[in-house]
């Protein structure tokens, strides 16, 4: 019988991404449920100074409230010319949480005068797994690249249309889901977490 794993997110694209990573690794015994599929519970504000802190808080909240193992991701974009910002503020860089267009527009405006050779950036993902017994682990994945001068592509979400991965000419939003999973920050972090996720299926 499949074990249930809570994914501390309401983003359906994140759930599908984790499902693809698990399927490609042959882990079919985990049933994924998102926050919209469980009873509401108090969620601690994401006020951590690092992606790791925020991911751990979200995972622990979910495990404590539901009694299920819970995986949580906190991710964002670090831009060299902005001294690593927007960082943990990526989702609310323009003020309102999750306004992808406003966030991207503000970022491009801030980098308007920055030359091509100084537009380095990286996507970062910290993925945490928390168990109801209080134990937890967290891993980090990074995806280096540069910031384009204008958005390209309709895939992905967030800053994907303006992020060109290292070694690519296409933006992240122009990659297929499979190409993105193979290289992305979240894909890298989730694969580091796989041994712990596989252990859940053995209990």
Protein backbone atom coordinates (compact mmCIF):
# COMPACT_ATOMS: atom_id res chain seq x y z
CA UNK A 1 0.00 0.00 0.00
CA UNK A 2 1.46 3.41 -0.95
CA UNK A 3 2.77 5.65 1.82
CA UNK A 4 1.43 9.20 1.84
CA UNK A 5 3.88 12.08 1.60
CA UNK A 6 2.69 15.62 2.23
CA UNK A 7 4.21 18.23 -0.07
CA UNK A 8 4.09 21.60 1.70
CA UNK A 9 2.98 23.53 -1.36
CA UNK A 10 -0.17 24.64 -3.18
CA UNK A 11 1.77 24.87 -6.44
CA UNK A 12 0.54 22.06 -8.68
CA UNK A 13 3.63 22.41 -10.89
CA UNK A 14 5.90 21.64 -7.91
CA UNK A 15 3.89 18.50 -7.12
CA UNK A 16 4.13 17.33 -10.73
CA UNK A 17 7.87 18.03 -10.75
CA UNK A 18 8.42 15.88 -7.64
CA UNK A 19 6.21 13.15 -9.08
CA UNK A 20 8.30 13.07 -12.27
CA UNK A 21 11.57 12.87 -10.30
CA UNK A 22 10.19 10.01 -8.20
CA UNK A 23 8.83 8.15 -11.23
CA UNK A 24 12.12 8.47 -13.12
CA UNK A 25 13.91 7.03 -10.07
CA UNK A 26 11.50 4.11 -9.82
CA UNK A 27 9.86 5.28 -6.58
CA UNK A 28 6.19 4.52 -7.16
CA UNK A 29 5.24 3.70 -3.56
CA UNK A 30 4.72 7.29 -2.41
CA UNK A 31 1.37 9.02 -2.83
CA UNK A 32 1.84 12.80 -2.94
CA UNK A 33 -0.71 15.17 -1.44
CA UNK A 34 -0.52 18.96 -1.41
CA UNK A 35 -1.63 21.46 1.20
CA UNK A 36 -4.95 21.95 -0.57
CA UNK A 37 -5.76 18.28 0.08
CA UNK A 38 -5.39 18.34 3.88
CA UNK A 39 -7.20 20.23 6.63
CA UNK A 40 -5.87 23.79 7.07
CA UNK A 41 -3.32 24.28 9.83
CA UNK A 42 -1.33 27.27 11.13
CA UNK A 43 1.67 27.94 8.90
CA UNK A 44 4.69 29.74 10.32
CA UNK A 45 5.61 32.84 8.28
CA UNK A 46 8.64 32.38 6.05
CA UNK A 47 10.96 34.78 7.87
CA UNK A 48 14.16 32.70 7.79
CA UNK A 49 17.38 34.27 6.57
CA UNK A 50 18.18 31.22 4.41
CA UNK A 51 16.34 28.86 2.08
CA UNK A 52 17.24 26.00 4.44
CA UNK A 53 15.61 27.65 7.45
CA UNK A 54 12.37 28.32 5.57
CA UNK A 55 12.20 24.81 4.10
CA UNK A 56 12.70 23.19 7.51
CA UNK A 57 10.00 25.33 9.13
CA UNK A 58 7.49 24.45 6.41
CA UNK A 59 8.30 20.73 6.53
CA UNK A 60 8.11 20.56 10.33
CA UNK A 61 4.81 22.48 10.42
CA UNK A 62 3.29 20.02 7.96
CA UNK A 63 4.55 16.89 9.70
CA UNK A 64 3.44 18.10 13.13
CA UNK A 65 -0.02 19.16 11.95
CA UNK A 66 -0.86 16.09 9.87
CA UNK A 67 1.18 13.23 11.29
CA UNK A 68 2.54 12.58 7.81
CA UNK A 69 6.08 12.78 6.54
CA UNK A 70 6.34 16.16 4.87
CA UNK A 71 8.67 17.50 2.21
CA UNK A 72 9.04 21.23 1.67
CA UNK A 73 11.04 23.34 -0.72
CA UNK A 74 12.15 26.92 -0.44
CA UNK A 75 13.70 28.23 -3.57
CA UNK A 76 14.62 31.42 -5.31
CA UNK A 77 17.03 33.33 -7.47
CA UNK A 78 20.37 34.76 -6.40
CA UNK A 79 21.77 37.44 -8.74
CA UNK A 80 25.47 38.33 -8.50
CA UNK A 81 25.01 41.99 -9.46
CA UNK A 82 22.41 42.34 -6.67
CA UNK A 83 24.68 40.80 -4.03
CA UNK A 84 22.69 37.57 -3.99
CA UNK A 85 19.26 39.15 -3.94
CA UNK A 86 16.34 38.60 -4.35
CA UNK A 87 17.26 35.35 -2.55
CA UNK A 88 14.67 34.32 0.05
CA UNK A 89 12.57 37.32 -1.06
CA UNK A 90 12.28 36.02 -4.64
CA UNK A 91 8.55 35.27 -4.55
CA UNK A 92 7.69 38.72 -3.17
CA UNK A 93 10.46 40.83 -4.72
CA UNK A 94 7.98 43.34 -6.18
CA UNK A 95 5.84 43.41 -3.03
CA UNK A 96 2.95 41.01 -3.58
CA UNK A 97 3.67 37.30 -3.04
CA UNK A 98 3.73 35.23 -6.21
CA UNK A 99 3.30 38.01 -8.79
CA UNK A 100 5.68 36.49 -11.35
CA UNK A 101 5.28 39.22 -13.95
CA UNK A 102 5.87 42.06 -11.48
CA UNK A 103 8.86 40.29 -9.93
CA UNK A 104 10.47 39.63 -13.31
CA UNK A 105 9.79 43.15 -14.57
CA UNK A 106 11.36 44.68 -11.46
CA UNK A 107 14.41 42.41 -11.73
CA UNK A 108 15.00 43.29 -15.38
CA UNK A 109 14.66 46.98 -14.54
CA UNK A 110 17.24 46.68 -11.78
CA UNK A 111 19.66 44.98 -14.18
CA UNK A 112 19.00 47.29 -17.12
CA UNK A 113 22.48 48.85 -17.09
CA UNK A 114 24.36 45.70 -16.07
CA UNK A 115 26.60 44.38 -18.91
CA UNK A 116 26.22 40.84 -20.19
CA UNK A 117 29.40 39.60 -18.50
CA UNK A 118 28.10 40.59 -15.06
CA UNK A 119 24.62 39.07 -15.25
CA UNK A 120 25.53 35.82 -13.51
CA UNK A 121 22.89 34.21 -11.30
CA UNK A 122 21.79 30.91 -9.87
CA UNK A 123 18.54 29.28 -8.91
CA UNK A 124 18.75 27.74 -5.43
CA UNK A 125 16.47 25.14 -3.86
CA UNK A 126 16.58 23.83 -0.32
CA UNK A 127 14.44 20.72 0.16
CA UNK A 128 13.61 19.51 3.66
CA UNK A 129 12.03 16.28 4.79
CA UNK A 130 10.47 16.21 8.26
CA UNK A 131 8.97 13.20 10.01
CA UNK A 132 6.27 13.20 12.68
CA UNK A 133 8.85 12.06 15.26
CA UNK A 134 10.62 15.42 14.90
CA UNK A 135 13.59 14.24 12.85
CA UNK A 136 14.41 16.19 9.70
CA UNK A 137 16.99 16.55 6.96
CA UNK A 138 17.64 19.29 4.42
CA UNK A 139 19.59 19.37 1.16
CA UNK A 140 20.51 22.13 -1.30
CA UNK A 141 20.62 22.23 -5.08
CA UNK A 142 21.98 25.04 -7.28
CA UNK A 143 21.54 25.76 -11.00
CA UNK A 144 23.97 28.39 -12.38
CA UNK A 145 23.23 30.64 -15.32
CA UNK A 146 22.72 34.25 -16.42
CA UNK A 147 19.83 36.70 -16.55
CA UNK A 148 18.56 37.45 -20.06
CA UNK A 149 17.58 40.96 -21.15
CA UNK A 150 13.97 40.02 -21.90
CA UNK A 151 11.62 37.11 -21.09
CA UNK A 152 11.55 34.14 -23.46
CA UNK A 153 9.35 31.05 -23.43
CA UNK A 154 6.03 30.10 -21.93
CA UNK A 155 6.98 27.12 -19.79
CA UNK A 156 7.87 26.94 -16.13
CA UNK A 157 7.01 29.68 -13.65
CA UNK A 158 8.62 32.42 -11.59
CA UNK A 159 11.83 33.76 -13.11
CA UNK A 160 12.17 30.90 -15.63
CA UNK A 161 11.59 33.14 -18.71
CA UNK A 162 14.61 35.36 -17.89
CA UNK A 163 17.02 32.67 -16.62
CA UNK A 164 19.38 31.12 -19.16
CA UNK A 165 21.13 28.07 -17.65
CA UNK A 166 24.88 27.65 -17.96
CA UNK A 167 25.73 26.00 -21.29
CA UNK A 168 22.33 26.85 -22.79
CA UNK A 169 21.06 29.46 -25.23
CA UNK A 170 17.43 28.84 -24.29
CA UNK A 171 15.76 30.19 -21.18
CA UNK A 172 14.53 27.82 -18.50
CA UNK A 173 10.99 28.54 -19.75
CA UNK A 174 11.96 27.20 -23.19
CA UNK A 175 13.16 23.83 -21.88
CA UNK A 176 10.92 20.78 -21.84
CA UNK A 177 9.80 19.57 -18.39
CA UNK A 178 12.16 16.60 -18.73
CA UNK A 179 15.13 18.82 -19.63
CA UNK A 180 14.38 21.12 -16.73
CA UNK A 181 14.01 18.25 -14.23
CA UNK A 182 17.38 16.84 -15.29
CA UNK A 183 19.24 20.08 -14.64
CA UNK A 184 17.21 22.32 -12.34
CA UNK A 185 18.02 23.36 -8.79
CA UNK A 186 14.91 21.64 -7.46
CA UNK A 187 15.59 18.50 -9.47
CA UNK A 188 19.15 18.38 -8.08
CA UNK A 189 17.94 18.90 -4.51
CA UNK A 190 15.18 16.31 -4.81
CA UNK A 191 17.61 13.73 -6.13
CA UNK A 192 19.83 14.37 -3.09
CA UNK A 193 16.77 13.74 -0.93
CA UNK A 194 15.83 10.50 -2.74
CA UNK A 195 17.59 8.10 -0.32
CA UNK A 196 15.55 9.52 2.57
CA UNK A 197 12.34 9.38 0.52
CA UNK A 198 13.03 5.78 -0.47
CA UNK A 199 13.52 4.93 3.22
CA UNK A 200 9.93 6.08 3.84
CA UNK A 201 8.65 3.30 1.62
CA UNK A 202 10.49 0.68 3.70
CA UNK A 203 8.88 1.41 7.06
